[in-house]
Structures are given as C-alpha cells and as structure tokens.
Amino acid sequence: MEKEFVERMRLTLESMKKEIIDKLVMESSEFREMVEDLDPKDLVDLASDDIDRKTLEALGSQELKRLRLIEAALNRIENGKYGICMKCNKKIPQERLQAIPYAVLCVECKNSDERRNR
C-alpha cells in the first residue's frame, strides 16, 4: 500500500478518533451538569425516562465500538498491516478504505459474512 495513502488514512483516522472522543466527553459532561442541577424529585422524572436513556446509551455504545475499530486500524498502520483483509489476507481496495477507513475485511469477505449471518 502506498505510504502517502496510508498517511492520509492515518490522519483521517486520528481526526475521526478526536471527533468521537470530544463528542463522548461533551455528552458525558452535559449529562453530569443536567443531573447536578436537578432537585431529588426531578431525578424521579429523569429515571422514568428509560427509553431516552437506553437510546443515549446505545448511541454511546456505537461510538465506543467505532472508537475501538479506529484505534485498531491505527495499530494496524503502525504494524504495517493496514489495508490487508483479516480473513483472506488480500489487499482491501483503497476505495473501500476511503469510505470506511477502519475496515478490516475486503468487500468480498464482508459480503460473504453478511450472507452467512442472514
């Protein structure tokens, strides 16, 4: 894989990582501020809003999952294994990596996995 392309992807991944971390920190501090300002009786209302809380947790969970994938991709760059399919060991096309910089499977293996999981 071309060094220039890998470097561009590293910068993209670093930017994505920073964006997610900033978002998670902001959401976490906003939630803390919200709870600090509430009266104890208002906490009951907050606790009863279970659906919204679960939705927020799911969103946070998705962001954390993406963050782990990004960190793994950055590790693969450091180890010289970025852009190699973890299943078939073939090169992942640059177009796929541009669309999903933390992709670990080539399109063929990804499609195969999706068909198997249906």
C-alpha atoms as a PDB file:
ATOM      1  CA  MET A   1       0.000   0.000   0.000  1.00  0.00           C
ATOM      2  CA  GLU A   2       1.310   3.465  -0.898  1.00  0.00           C
ATOM      3  CA  LYS A   3       2.861   5.352   2.017  1.00  0.00           C
ATOM      4  CA  GLU A   4       1.102   8.595   1.057  1.00  0.00           C
ATOM      5  CA  PHE A   5      -2.300   6.907   1.034  1.00  0.00           C
ATOM      6  CA  VAL A   6      -1.659   5.218   4.385  1.00  0.00           C
ATOM      7  CA  GLU A   7      -0.559   8.554   5.866  1.00  0.00           C
ATOM      8  CA  ARG A   8      -3.766  10.226   4.607  1.00  0.00           C
ATOM      9  CA  MET A   9      -5.796   7.426   6.164  1.00  0.00           C
ATOM     10  CA  ARG A  10      -3.850   7.768   9.435  1.00  0.00           C
ATOM     11  CA  LEU A  11      -4.693  11.480   9.553  1.00  0.00           C
ATOM     12  CA  THR A  12      -8.337  10.721   8.749  1.00  0.00           C
ATOM     13  CA  LEU A  13      -8.490   8.079  11.480  1.00  0.00           C
ATOM     14  CA  GLU A  14      -6.842  10.425  14.006  1.00  0.00           C
ATOM     15  CA  SER A  15      -9.401  13.099  13.139  1.00  0.00           C
ATOM     16  CA  MET A  16     -12.296  10.629  13.499  1.00  0.00           C
ATOM     17  CA  LYS A  17     -10.903   9.469  16.840  1.00  0.00           C
ATOM     18  CA  LYS A  18     -10.652  13.033  18.165  1.00  0.00           C
ATOM     19  CA  GLU A  19     -14.191  13.811  16.994  1.00  0.00           C
ATOM     20  CA  ILE A  20     -15.648  10.776  18.784  1.00  0.00           C
ATOM     21  CA  ILE A  21     -13.710  11.415  21.987  1.00  0.00           C
ATOM     22  CA  ASP A  22     -14.767  15.070  22.005  1.00  0.00           C
ATOM     23  CA  LYS A  23     -18.394  14.060  21.426  1.00  0.00           C
ATOM     24  CA  LEU A  24     -18.388  11.456  24.197  1.00  0.00           C
ATOM     25  CA  VAL A  25     -16.736  13.838  26.658  1.00  0.00           C
ATOM     26  CA  MET A  26     -19.213  16.582  25.797  1.00  0.00           C
ATOM     27  CA  GLU A  27     -22.208  14.261  26.184  1.00  0.00           C
ATOM     28  CA  SER A  28     -20.885  12.929  29.454  1.00  0.00           C
ATOM     29  CA  SER A  29     -20.278  16.377  30.942  1.00  0.00           C
ATOM     30  CA  GLU A  30     -23.657  17.628  29.683  1.00  0.00           C
ATOM     31  CA  PHE A  31     -25.348  14.709  31.431  1.00  0.00           C
ATOM     32  CA  ARG A  32     -23.432  15.385  34.668  1.00  0.00           C
ATOM     33  CA  GLU A  33     -24.386  19.065  34.557  1.00  0.00           C
ATOM     34  CA  MET A  34     -28.014  18.122  33.940  1.00  0.00           C
ATOM     35  CA  VAL A  35     -28.134  15.801  36.960  1.00  0.00           C
ATOM     36  CA  GLU A  36     -26.269  18.214  39.258  1.00  0.00           C
ATOM     37  CA  ASP A  37     -28.872  20.938  38.712  1.00  0.00           C
ATOM     38  CA  LEU A  38     -31.902  18.732  39.360  1.00  0.00           C
ATOM     39  CA  ASP A  39     -33.898  18.524  42.564  1.00  0.00           C
ATOM     40  CA  PRO A  40     -34.184  14.999  44.010  1.00  0.00           C
ATOM     41  CA  LYS A  41     -37.856  14.859  42.944  1.00  0.00           C
ATOM     42  CA  ASP A  42     -36.806  15.708  39.377  1.00  0.00           C
ATOM     43  CA  LEU A  43     -34.453  12.725  39.395  1.00  0.00           C
ATOM     44  CA  VAL A  44     -37.560  10.517  39.516  1.00  0.00           C
ATOM     45  CA  ASP A  45     -38.718  12.049  36.241  1.00  0.00           C
ATOM     46  CA  LEU A  46     -35.287  11.506  34.780  1.00  0.00           C
ATOM     47  CA  ALA A  47     -35.249   7.871  35.908  1.00  0.00           C
ATOM     48  CA  SER A  48     -38.690   7.274  34.426  1.00  0.00           C
ATOM     49  CA  ASP A  49     -37.457   8.409  31.035  1.00  0.00           C
ATOM     50  CA  ASP A  50     -35.965   4.961  30.455  1.00  0.00           C
ATOM     51  CA  ILE A  51     -36.426   4.872  26.679  1.00  0.00           C
ATOM     52  CA  ASP A  52     -34.391   8.022  26.083  1.00  0.00           C
ATOM     53  CA  ARG A  53     -31.664   6.830  28.444  1.00  0.00           C
ATOM     54  CA  LYS A  54     -31.394   3.490  26.656  1.00  0.00           C
ATOM     55  CA  THR A  55     -31.257   5.281  23.314  1.00  0.00           C
ATOM     56  CA  LEU A  56     -28.442   7.519  24.569  1.00  0.00           C
ATOM     57  CA  GLU A  57     -26.591   4.502  25.946  1.00  0.00           C
ATOM     58  CA  ALA A  58     -26.940   2.702  22.616  1.00  0.00           C
ATOM     59  CA  LEU A  59     -25.601   5.719  20.761  1.00  0.00           C
ATOM     60  CA  GLY A  60     -22.694   5.923  23.172  1.00  0.00           C
ATOM     61  CA  SER A  61     -22.093   2.218  22.741  1.00  0.00           C
ATOM     62  CA  GLN A  62     -21.964   2.592  18.951  1.00  0.00           C
ATOM     63  CA  GLU A  63     -19.491   5.454  19.268  1.00  0.00           C
ATOM     64  CA  LEU A  64     -17.300   3.414  21.621  1.00  0.00           C
ATOM     65  CA  LYS A  65     -17.382   0.482  19.204  1.00  0.00           C
ATOM     66  CA  ARG A  66     -16.352   2.768  16.348  1.00  0.00           C
ATOM     67  CA  LEU A  67     -13.591   4.236  18.512  1.00  0.00           C
ATOM     68  CA  ARG A  68     -12.206   0.740  19.150  1.00  0.00           C
ATOM     69  CA  LEU A  69     -12.264  -0.010  15.415  1.00  0.00           C
ATOM     70  CA  ILE A  70     -10.432   3.238  14.699  1.00  0.00           C
ATOM     71  CA  GLU A  71      -7.793   2.502  17.341  1.00  0.00           C
ATOM     72  CA  ALA A  72      -7.329  -0.997  15.910  1.00  0.00           C
ATOM     73  CA  ALA A  73      -6.858   0.497  12.429  1.00  0.00           C
ATOM     74  CA  LEU A  74      -4.237   2.908  13.782  1.00  0.00           C
ATOM     75  CA  ASN A  75      -2.439  -0.060  15.365  1.00  0.00           C
ATOM     76  CA  ARG A  76      -2.518  -1.899  12.021  1.00  0.00           C
ATOM     77  CA  ILE A  77      -0.923   1.156  10.396  1.00  0.00           C
ATOM     78  CA  GLU A  78       1.867   1.087  12.999  1.00  0.00           C
ATOM     79  CA  ASN A  79       2.365  -2.652  12.454  1.00  0.00           C
ATOM     80  CA  GLY A  80       2.367  -2.365   8.654  1.00  0.00           C
ATOM     81  CA  LYS A  81      -0.797  -4.447   8.317  1.00  0.00           C
ATOM     82  CA  TYR A  82      -3.237  -1.680   7.367  1.00  0.00           C
ATOM     83  CA  GLY A  83      -5.313  -2.387   4.277  1.00  0.00           C
ATOM     84  CA  ILE A  84      -4.923  -6.172   4.489  1.00  0.00           C
ATOM     85  CA  CYS A  85      -8.116  -8.222   4.838  1.00  0.00           C
ATOM     86  CA  MET A  86      -8.077 -10.069   8.149  1.00  0.00           C
ATOM     87  CA  LYS A  87      -9.892 -13.011   6.595  1.00  0.00           C
ATOM     88  CA  CYS A  88      -8.266 -13.686   3.211  1.00  0.00           C
ATOM     89  CA  ASN A  89      -5.055 -11.597   3.597  1.00  0.00           C
ATOM     90  CA  LYS A  90      -5.669  -9.814   0.277  1.00  0.00           C
ATOM     91  CA  LYS A  91      -5.385  -6.050  -0.114  1.00  0.00           C
ATOM     92  CA  ILE A  92      -8.519  -4.086   0.743  1.00  0.00           C
ATOM     93  CA  PRO A  93      -9.248  -1.707  -2.171  1.00  0.00           C
ATOM     94  CA  GLN A  94      -8.376   1.926  -1.497  1.00  0.00           C
ATOM     95  CA  GLU A  95     -11.923   2.955  -2.407  1.00  0.00           C
ATOM     96  CA  ARG A  96     -13.270   0.832   0.449  1.00  0.00           C
ATOM     97  CA  LEU A  97     -10.720   2.236   2.887  1.00  0.00           C
ATOM     98  CA  GLN A  98     -11.598   5.774   1.817  1.00  0.00           C
ATOM     99  CA  ALA A  99     -15.261   5.039   2.552  1.00  0.00           C
ATOM    100  CA  ILE A 100     -14.572   3.108   5.779  1.00  0.00           C
ATOM    101  CA  PRO A 101     -11.008   3.839   6.947  1.00  0.00           C
ATOM    102  CA  TYR A 102     -11.246   1.264   9.756  1.00  0.00           C
ATOM    103  CA  ALA A 103     -12.450  -1.589   7.509  1.00  0.00           C
ATOM    104  CA  VAL A 104     -10.875  -4.955   8.362  1.00  0.00           C
ATOM    105  CA  LEU A 105     -12.407  -7.021   5.566  1.00  0.00           C
ATOM    106  CA  CYS A 106     -12.340  -6.686   1.801  1.00  0.00           C
ATOM    107  CA  VAL A 107     -15.716  -6.306   0.079  1.00  0.00           C
ATOM    108  CA  GLU A 108     -15.849  -9.975  -0.917  1.00  0.00           C
ATOM    109  CA  CYS A 109     -15.240 -11.262   2.624  1.00  0.00           C
ATOM    110  CA  LYS A 110     -17.625  -8.682   4.115  1.00  0.00           C
ATOM    111  CA  ASN A 111     -20.376  -9.745   1.702  1.00  0.00           C
ATOM    112  CA  SER A 112     -19.677 -13.398   2.478  1.00  0.00           C
ATOM    113  CA  ASP A 113     -20.019 -12.723   6.225  1.00  0.00           C
ATOM    114  CA  GLU A 114     -23.252 -10.781   5.727  1.00  0.00           C
ATOM    115  CA  ARG A 115     -24.786 -13.586   3.635  1.00  0.00           C
ATOM    116  CA  ARG A 116     -23.808 -16.131   6.270  1.00  0.00           C
ATOM    117  CA  ASN A 117     -25.343 -14.048   9.077  1.00  0.00           C
ATOM    118  CA  ARG A 118     -28.749 -13.695   7.435  1.00  0.00           C
END
